[in-house]
Amino acid sequence: MPLFDDLGRIGARYKQARSARRTTRIMNALPPEIQRDLAWNPPSSLMASIYRSMATAVRR
């Protein structure tokens, strides 16, 4: 049934996003020395990416 397929996809997407947020929180909680050793570059936030896209659009 399409409804249950959609719910399953939504649930899987939510689980993946939740896992990514949890990983980001854990990695950001580590000391900077360990973050450097692991080559951790925190992903940019949604608002930062929106601002960046707006700033580049204004400059054109």
N, C-alpha and C. Protein backbone atom coordinates (compact mmCIF):
# COMPACT_ATOMS: atom_id res chain seq x y z
N MET A 1 0.84 -1.18 0.00
CA MET A 1 0.00 0.00 0.00
C MET A 1 0.89 1.25 0.00
N PRO A 2 0.55 2.20 -0.83
CA PRO A 2 1.38 3.40 -0.94
C PRO A 2 1.52 4.17 0.37
N LEU A 3 0.46 4.20 1.16
CA LEU A 3 0.51 4.96 2.41
C LEU A 3 1.57 4.38 3.34
N PHE A 4 1.58 3.07 3.48
CA PHE A 4 2.55 2.44 4.37
C PHE A 4 3.97 2.55 3.82
N ASP A 5 4.11 2.53 2.50
CA ASP A 5 5.43 2.73 1.90
C ASP A 5 5.94 4.13 2.23
N ASP A 6 5.07 5.13 2.10
CA ASP A 6 5.46 6.50 2.42
C ASP A 6 5.84 6.64 3.89
N LEU A 7 5.06 6.03 4.76
CA LEU A 7 5.37 6.11 6.19
C LEU A 7 6.70 5.44 6.49
N GLY A 8 6.97 4.34 5.83
CA GLY A 8 8.25 3.65 6.03
C GLY A 8 9.42 4.51 5.59
N ARG A 9 9.27 5.18 4.45
CA ARG A 9 10.34 6.05 3.96
C ARG A 9 10.55 7.24 4.89
N ILE A 10 9.44 7.81 5.37
CA ILE A 10 9.54 8.94 6.30
C ILE A 10 10.24 8.50 7.59
N GLY A 11 9.87 7.33 8.08
CA GLY A 11 10.50 6.81 9.29
C GLY A 11 11.98 6.55 9.11
N ALA A 12 12.35 6.00 7.96
CA ALA A 12 13.77 5.74 7.68
C ALA A 12 14.55 7.04 7.58
N ARG A 13 13.97 8.04 6.92
CA ARG A 13 14.64 9.34 6.79
C ARG A 13 14.81 9.99 8.16
N TYR A 14 13.78 9.89 9.00
CA TYR A 14 13.85 10.46 10.35
C TYR A 14 14.95 9.77 11.16
N LYS A 15 15.02 8.45 11.05
CA LYS A 15 16.02 7.69 11.79
C LYS A 15 17.43 8.07 11.34
N GLN A 16 17.61 8.25 10.04
CA GLN A 16 18.92 8.63 9.51
C GLN A 16 19.30 10.04 9.97
N ALA A 17 18.36 10.97 9.93
CA ALA A 17 18.65 12.34 10.35
C ALA A 17 18.96 12.39 11.85
N ARG A 18 18.23 11.62 12.62
CA ARG A 18 18.45 11.58 14.07
C ARG A 18 19.84 11.03 14.38
N SER A 19 20.22 9.99 13.65
CA SER A 19 21.54 9.41 13.84
C SER A 19 22.65 10.41 13.47
N ALA A 20 22.44 11.14 12.40
CA ALA A 20 23.44 12.14 11.98
C ALA A 20 23.56 13.25 13.01
N ARG A 21 22.43 13.71 13.55
CA ARG A 21 22.48 14.76 14.58
C ARG A 21 23.19 14.26 15.82
N ARG A 22 22.92 13.02 16.20
CA ARG A 22 23.55 12.44 17.39
C ARG A 22 25.06 12.32 17.19
N THR A 23 25.48 11.86 16.02
CA THR A 23 26.91 11.75 15.73
C THR A 23 27.58 13.11 15.78
N THR A 24 26.91 14.12 15.20
CA THR A 24 27.47 15.47 15.20
C THR A 24 27.64 15.98 16.62
N ARG A 25 26.63 15.77 17.47
CA ARG A 25 26.73 16.21 18.87
C ARG A 25 27.88 15.52 19.59
N ILE A 26 28.02 14.22 19.38
CA ILE A 26 29.08 13.46 20.05
C ILE A 26 30.46 13.93 19.58
N MET A 27 30.61 14.08 18.27
CA MET A 27 31.91 14.50 17.73
C MET A 27 32.25 15.92 18.16
N ASN A 28 31.26 16.81 18.21
CA ASN A 28 31.52 18.19 18.62
C ASN A 28 31.86 18.28 20.11
N ALA A 29 31.46 17.29 20.88
CA ALA A 29 31.75 17.29 22.31
C ALA A 29 33.18 16.85 22.61
N LEU A 30 33.84 16.25 21.62
CA LEU A 30 35.22 15.81 21.83
C LEU A 30 36.16 17.02 21.88
N PRO A 31 37.29 16.87 22.57
CA PRO A 31 38.27 17.96 22.60
C PRO A 31 38.80 18.24 21.19
N PRO A 32 39.21 19.47 20.94
CA PRO A 32 39.69 19.85 19.59
C PRO A 32 40.86 18.99 19.09
N GLU A 33 41.73 18.55 20.01
CA GLU A 33 42.87 17.73 19.60
C GLU A 33 42.40 16.41 18.99
N ILE A 34 41.42 15.80 19.62
CA ILE A 34 40.89 14.53 19.12
C ILE A 34 40.13 14.75 17.82
N GLN A 35 39.39 15.86 17.73
CA GLN A 35 38.68 16.17 16.49
C GLN A 35 39.67 16.30 15.33
N ARG A 36 40.81 16.95 15.59
CA ARG A 36 41.84 17.08 14.55
C ARG A 36 42.39 15.71 14.17
N ASP A 37 42.65 14.86 15.16
CA ASP A 37 43.18 13.52 14.89
C ASP A 37 42.22 12.70 14.03
N LEU A 38 40.93 12.91 14.25
CA LEU A 38 39.92 12.17 13.48
C LEU A 38 39.55 12.87 12.18
N ALA A 39 40.16 14.02 11.93
CA ALA A 39 39.87 14.84 10.74
C ALA A 39 38.39 15.19 10.68
N TRP A 40 37.86 15.59 11.82
CA TRP A 40 36.43 15.92 11.91
C TRP A 40 36.20 17.35 11.46
N ASN A 41 35.41 17.50 10.44
CA ASN A 41 34.95 18.81 9.99
C ASN A 41 33.44 18.83 10.18
N PRO A 42 32.95 19.57 11.16
CA PRO A 42 31.52 19.55 11.41
C PRO A 42 30.73 20.03 10.20
N PRO A 43 29.63 19.34 9.90
CA PRO A 43 28.81 19.79 8.78
C PRO A 43 28.19 21.14 9.07
N SER A 44 28.03 21.95 8.03
CA SER A 44 27.44 23.26 8.26
C SER A 44 25.96 23.10 8.54
N SER A 45 25.44 24.02 9.29
CA SER A 45 24.03 23.97 9.64
C SER A 45 23.18 24.38 8.44
N LEU A 46 21.92 24.09 8.52
CA LEU A 46 20.99 24.44 7.45
C LEU A 46 20.94 25.95 7.27
N MET A 47 20.91 26.68 8.37
CA MET A 47 20.84 28.14 8.26
C MET A 47 22.11 28.70 7.64
N ALA A 48 23.26 28.12 7.96
CA ALA A 48 24.51 28.59 7.37
C ALA A 48 24.52 28.36 5.86
N SER A 49 24.00 27.22 5.42
CA SER A 49 23.98 26.96 3.98
C SER A 49 22.99 27.89 3.28
N ILE A 50 21.87 28.20 3.92
CA ILE A 50 20.91 29.13 3.33
C ILE A 50 21.53 30.53 3.23
N TYR A 51 22.20 30.96 4.29
CA TYR A 51 22.85 32.28 4.27
C TYR A 51 23.91 32.34 3.19
N ARG A 52 24.70 31.28 3.08
CA ARG A 52 25.76 31.24 2.09
C ARG A 52 25.19 31.32 0.68
N SER A 53 24.09 30.61 0.42
CA SER A 53 23.49 30.65 -0.92
C SER A 53 22.87 32.02 -1.20
N MET A 54 22.31 32.66 -0.17
CA MET A 54 21.75 33.99 -0.37
C MET A 54 22.86 35.02 -0.61
N ALA A 55 23.96 34.87 0.11
CA ALA A 55 25.06 35.82 -0.03
C ALA A 55 25.68 35.71 -1.42
N THR A 56 25.81 34.51 -1.95
CA THR A 56 26.39 34.37 -3.29
C THR A 56 25.41 34.88 -4.35
N ALA A 57 24.11 34.75 -4.10
CA ALA A 57 23.13 35.24 -5.06
C ALA A 57 23.13 36.77 -5.13
N VAL A 58 23.37 37.43 -4.00
CA VAL A 58 23.38 38.89 -3.96
C VAL A 58 24.62 39.43 -4.67
N ARG A 59 25.75 38.72 -4.55
CA ARG A 59 27.00 39.19 -5.16
C ARG A 59 26.98 39.11 -6.67
N ARG A 60 26.15 38.29 -7.25
CA ARG A 60 26.13 38.13 -8.72
C ARG A 60 25.54 39.30 -9.41
